[in-house]
Amino acid sequence: MAGGTGGHVFPGLAVAHHLMAQGWQVRWLGTADRMEADLVPKHGIDIDFIRISGLRGKGVGAGDHEAI
């Protein structure tokens, strides 16, 4: 699973190609509205889509909190 930006997709493609060369069956998990939707199938890799968004600024450390 990798998606959204080239910094995630291109290394993921390299790993996928390496695994496929060793005989592994690879399926990609990504989003339909990001770059992987077009790019991954062009590399002969099946892709399944999920709906998800980034968590930047929404994670555990987001917002004000007091030290315990």
N, C-alpha and C. Protein backbone atom coordinates (compact mmCIF):
# COMPACT_ATOMS: atom_id res chain seq x y z
N MET A 1 0.85 -1.16 0.00
CA MET A 1 0.00 0.00 0.00
C MET A 1 0.90 1.23 0.00
N ALA A 2 0.66 2.09 -0.95
CA ALA A 2 1.36 3.37 -1.01
C ALA A 2 0.57 4.26 -1.94
N GLY A 3 0.51 5.52 -1.63
CA GLY A 3 -0.24 6.39 -2.52
C GLY A 3 -0.06 7.84 -2.20
N GLY A 4 -0.66 8.63 -3.06
CA GLY A 4 -0.69 10.06 -2.86
C GLY A 4 0.40 10.81 -3.55
N THR A 5 1.65 10.51 -3.22
CA THR A 5 2.76 11.27 -3.79
C THR A 5 3.77 10.33 -4.43
N GLY A 6 4.56 10.89 -5.32
CA GLY A 6 5.62 10.11 -5.95
C GLY A 6 6.63 9.57 -4.95
N GLY A 7 6.81 10.28 -3.85
CA GLY A 7 7.74 9.83 -2.82
C GLY A 7 7.31 8.54 -2.15
N HIS A 8 6.05 8.19 -2.27
CA HIS A 8 5.54 6.92 -1.76
C HIS A 8 5.31 5.92 -2.89
N VAL A 9 4.77 6.39 -4.00
CA VAL A 9 4.39 5.49 -5.09
C VAL A 9 5.60 4.89 -5.79
N PHE A 10 6.58 5.70 -6.16
CA PHE A 10 7.71 5.17 -6.93
C PHE A 10 8.55 4.16 -6.15
N PRO A 11 8.86 4.39 -4.87
CA PRO A 11 9.54 3.32 -4.13
C PRO A 11 8.67 2.07 -3.99
N GLY A 12 7.36 2.27 -3.83
CA GLY A 12 6.45 1.13 -3.76
C GLY A 12 6.45 0.32 -5.04
N LEU A 13 6.51 1.00 -6.18
CA LEU A 13 6.59 0.31 -7.47
C LEU A 13 7.87 -0.50 -7.58
N ALA A 14 8.98 0.07 -7.10
CA ALA A 14 10.25 -0.65 -7.15
C ALA A 14 10.18 -1.93 -6.33
N VAL A 15 9.60 -1.84 -5.14
CA VAL A 15 9.44 -3.03 -4.29
C VAL A 15 8.51 -4.03 -4.96
N ALA A 16 7.41 -3.55 -5.52
CA ALA A 16 6.45 -4.44 -6.19
C ALA A 16 7.11 -5.19 -7.34
N HIS A 17 7.90 -4.48 -8.16
CA HIS A 17 8.57 -5.14 -9.28
C HIS A 17 9.59 -6.17 -8.79
N HIS A 18 10.29 -5.86 -7.72
CA HIS A 18 11.25 -6.81 -7.15
C HIS A 18 10.54 -8.08 -6.68
N LEU A 19 9.43 -7.90 -5.98
CA LEU A 19 8.67 -9.06 -5.50
C LEU A 19 8.10 -9.88 -6.65
N MET A 20 7.59 -9.20 -7.67
CA MET A 20 7.03 -9.91 -8.82
C MET A 20 8.12 -10.70 -9.55
N ALA A 21 9.32 -10.16 -9.62
CA ALA A 21 10.44 -10.87 -10.27
C ALA A 21 10.81 -12.13 -9.51
N GLN A 22 10.48 -12.18 -8.22
CA GLN A 22 10.74 -13.36 -7.39
C GLN A 22 9.55 -14.32 -7.37
N GLY A 23 8.51 -14.00 -8.14
CA GLY A 23 7.37 -14.90 -8.25
C GLY A 23 6.19 -14.57 -7.35
N TRP A 24 6.27 -13.49 -6.60
CA TRP A 24 5.16 -13.10 -5.74
C TRP A 24 4.03 -12.49 -6.56
N GLN A 25 2.80 -12.72 -6.12
CA GLN A 25 1.65 -12.04 -6.71
C GLN A 25 1.43 -10.75 -5.93
N VAL A 26 1.36 -9.63 -6.63
CA VAL A 26 1.26 -8.33 -5.98
C VAL A 26 -0.06 -7.67 -6.34
N ARG A 27 -0.73 -7.14 -5.34
CA ARG A 27 -1.90 -6.28 -5.52
C ARG A 27 -1.62 -5.00 -4.75
N TRP A 28 -2.05 -3.89 -5.32
CA TRP A 28 -1.80 -2.58 -4.73
C TRP A 28 -3.06 -2.08 -4.04
N LEU A 29 -2.91 -1.44 -2.92
CA LEU A 29 -4.02 -0.82 -2.21
C LEU A 29 -3.79 0.68 -2.25
N GLY A 30 -4.71 1.41 -2.87
CA GLY A 30 -4.52 2.85 -3.03
C GLY A 30 -5.85 3.56 -3.17
N THR A 31 -5.77 4.83 -3.57
CA THR A 31 -6.98 5.64 -3.72
C THR A 31 -7.24 5.96 -5.19
N ALA A 32 -8.51 6.07 -5.53
CA ALA A 32 -8.90 6.27 -6.93
C ALA A 32 -8.64 7.68 -7.42
N ASP A 33 -8.43 8.62 -6.51
CA ASP A 33 -8.28 10.02 -6.93
C ASP A 33 -6.85 10.54 -6.81
N ARG A 34 -5.88 9.66 -6.65
CA ARG A 34 -4.49 10.09 -6.54
C ARG A 34 -3.67 9.45 -7.66
N MET A 35 -2.40 9.78 -7.72
CA MET A 35 -1.58 9.39 -8.86
C MET A 35 -1.46 7.89 -9.06
N GLU A 36 -1.56 7.10 -7.99
CA GLU A 36 -1.41 5.66 -8.13
C GLU A 36 -2.52 5.03 -8.97
N ALA A 37 -3.68 5.68 -9.04
CA ALA A 37 -4.80 5.14 -9.80
C ALA A 37 -4.46 4.94 -11.27
N ASP A 38 -3.69 5.85 -11.85
CA ASP A 38 -3.28 5.73 -13.25
C ASP A 38 -1.94 5.03 -13.41
N LEU A 39 -1.03 5.31 -12.51
CA LEU A 39 0.34 4.85 -12.65
C LEU A 39 0.51 3.35 -12.40
N VAL A 40 -0.10 2.84 -11.35
CA VAL A 40 0.10 1.44 -10.96
C VAL A 40 -0.37 0.47 -12.04
N PRO A 41 -1.58 0.61 -12.60
CA PRO A 41 -1.99 -0.32 -13.66
C PRO A 41 -1.08 -0.29 -14.89
N LYS A 42 -0.47 0.86 -15.18
CA LYS A 42 0.46 0.94 -16.31
C LYS A 42 1.70 0.08 -16.08
N HIS A 43 1.94 -0.30 -14.83
CA HIS A 43 3.07 -1.17 -14.50
C HIS A 43 2.65 -2.63 -14.40
N GLY A 44 1.43 -2.93 -14.83
CA GLY A 44 0.95 -4.31 -14.82
C GLY A 44 0.60 -4.84 -13.44
N ILE A 45 0.26 -3.94 -12.54
CA ILE A 45 -0.07 -4.33 -11.17
C ILE A 45 -1.55 -4.06 -10.92
N ASP A 46 -2.25 -5.08 -10.41
CA ASP A 46 -3.66 -4.90 -10.06
C ASP A 46 -3.77 -3.97 -8.86
N ILE A 47 -4.81 -3.13 -8.87
CA ILE A 47 -4.99 -2.17 -7.78
C ILE A 47 -6.41 -2.25 -7.24
N ASP A 48 -6.54 -2.20 -5.93
CA ASP A 48 -7.82 -2.11 -5.25
C ASP A 48 -7.88 -0.74 -4.58
N PHE A 49 -9.06 -0.12 -4.62
CA PHE A 49 -9.20 1.24 -4.12
C PHE A 49 -9.90 1.29 -2.77
N ILE A 50 -9.41 2.19 -1.92
CA ILE A 50 -10.06 2.49 -0.65
C ILE A 50 -10.25 4.00 -0.57
N ARG A 51 -11.19 4.43 0.26
CA ARG A 51 -11.37 5.87 0.50
C ARG A 51 -10.67 6.21 1.81
N ILE A 52 -9.71 7.10 1.72
CA ILE A 52 -8.93 7.48 2.90
C ILE A 52 -8.35 8.87 2.67
N SER A 53 -8.06 9.57 3.74
CA SER A 53 -7.40 10.87 3.62
C SER A 53 -6.24 10.91 4.59
N GLY A 54 -5.39 11.90 4.41
CA GLY A 54 -4.22 12.04 5.25
C GLY A 54 -4.58 12.37 6.69
N LEU A 55 -3.63 12.13 7.57
CA LEU A 55 -3.83 12.38 8.99
C LEU A 55 -2.98 13.53 9.51
N ARG A 56 -2.25 14.20 8.64
CA ARG A 56 -1.37 15.28 9.09
C ARG A 56 -2.17 16.31 9.88
N GLY A 57 -1.70 16.58 11.08
CA GLY A 57 -2.36 17.55 11.94
C GLY A 57 -3.59 17.02 12.66
N LYS A 58 -3.91 15.74 12.44
CA LYS A 58 -5.11 15.16 13.05
C LYS A 58 -4.77 13.99 13.97
N GLY A 59 -3.48 13.73 14.14
CA GLY A 59 -3.05 12.56 14.89
C GLY A 59 -3.06 12.76 16.40
N VAL A 60 -2.45 11.83 17.09
CA VAL A 60 -2.44 11.80 18.55
C VAL A 60 -1.86 13.08 19.14
N GLY A 61 -0.80 13.61 18.54
CA GLY A 61 -0.15 14.79 19.09
C GLY A 61 -0.74 16.10 18.65
N ALA A 62 -1.80 16.08 17.89
CA ALA A 62 -2.39 17.32 17.37
C ALA A 62 -3.09 18.10 18.47
N GLY A 63 -3.03 19.40 18.36
CA GLY A 63 -3.75 20.25 19.30
C GLY A 63 -2.99 20.48 20.59
N ASP A 64 -3.61 21.23 21.47
CA ASP A 64 -3.00 21.54 22.76
C ASP A 64 -3.23 20.39 23.72
N HIS A 65 -2.21 20.11 24.52
CA HIS A 65 -2.35 19.09 25.54
C HIS A 65 -1.39 19.41 26.69
N GLU A 66 -1.69 18.89 27.84
CA GLU A 66 -0.84 19.11 29.01
C GLU A 66 0.06 17.91 29.21
N ALA A 67 1.26 18.16 29.69
CA ALA A 67 2.17 17.07 30.02
C ALA A 67 1.64 16.32 31.23
N ILE A 68 1.78 15.04 31.20
CA ILE A 68 1.30 14.20 32.32
C ILE A 68 2.46 13.89 33.22
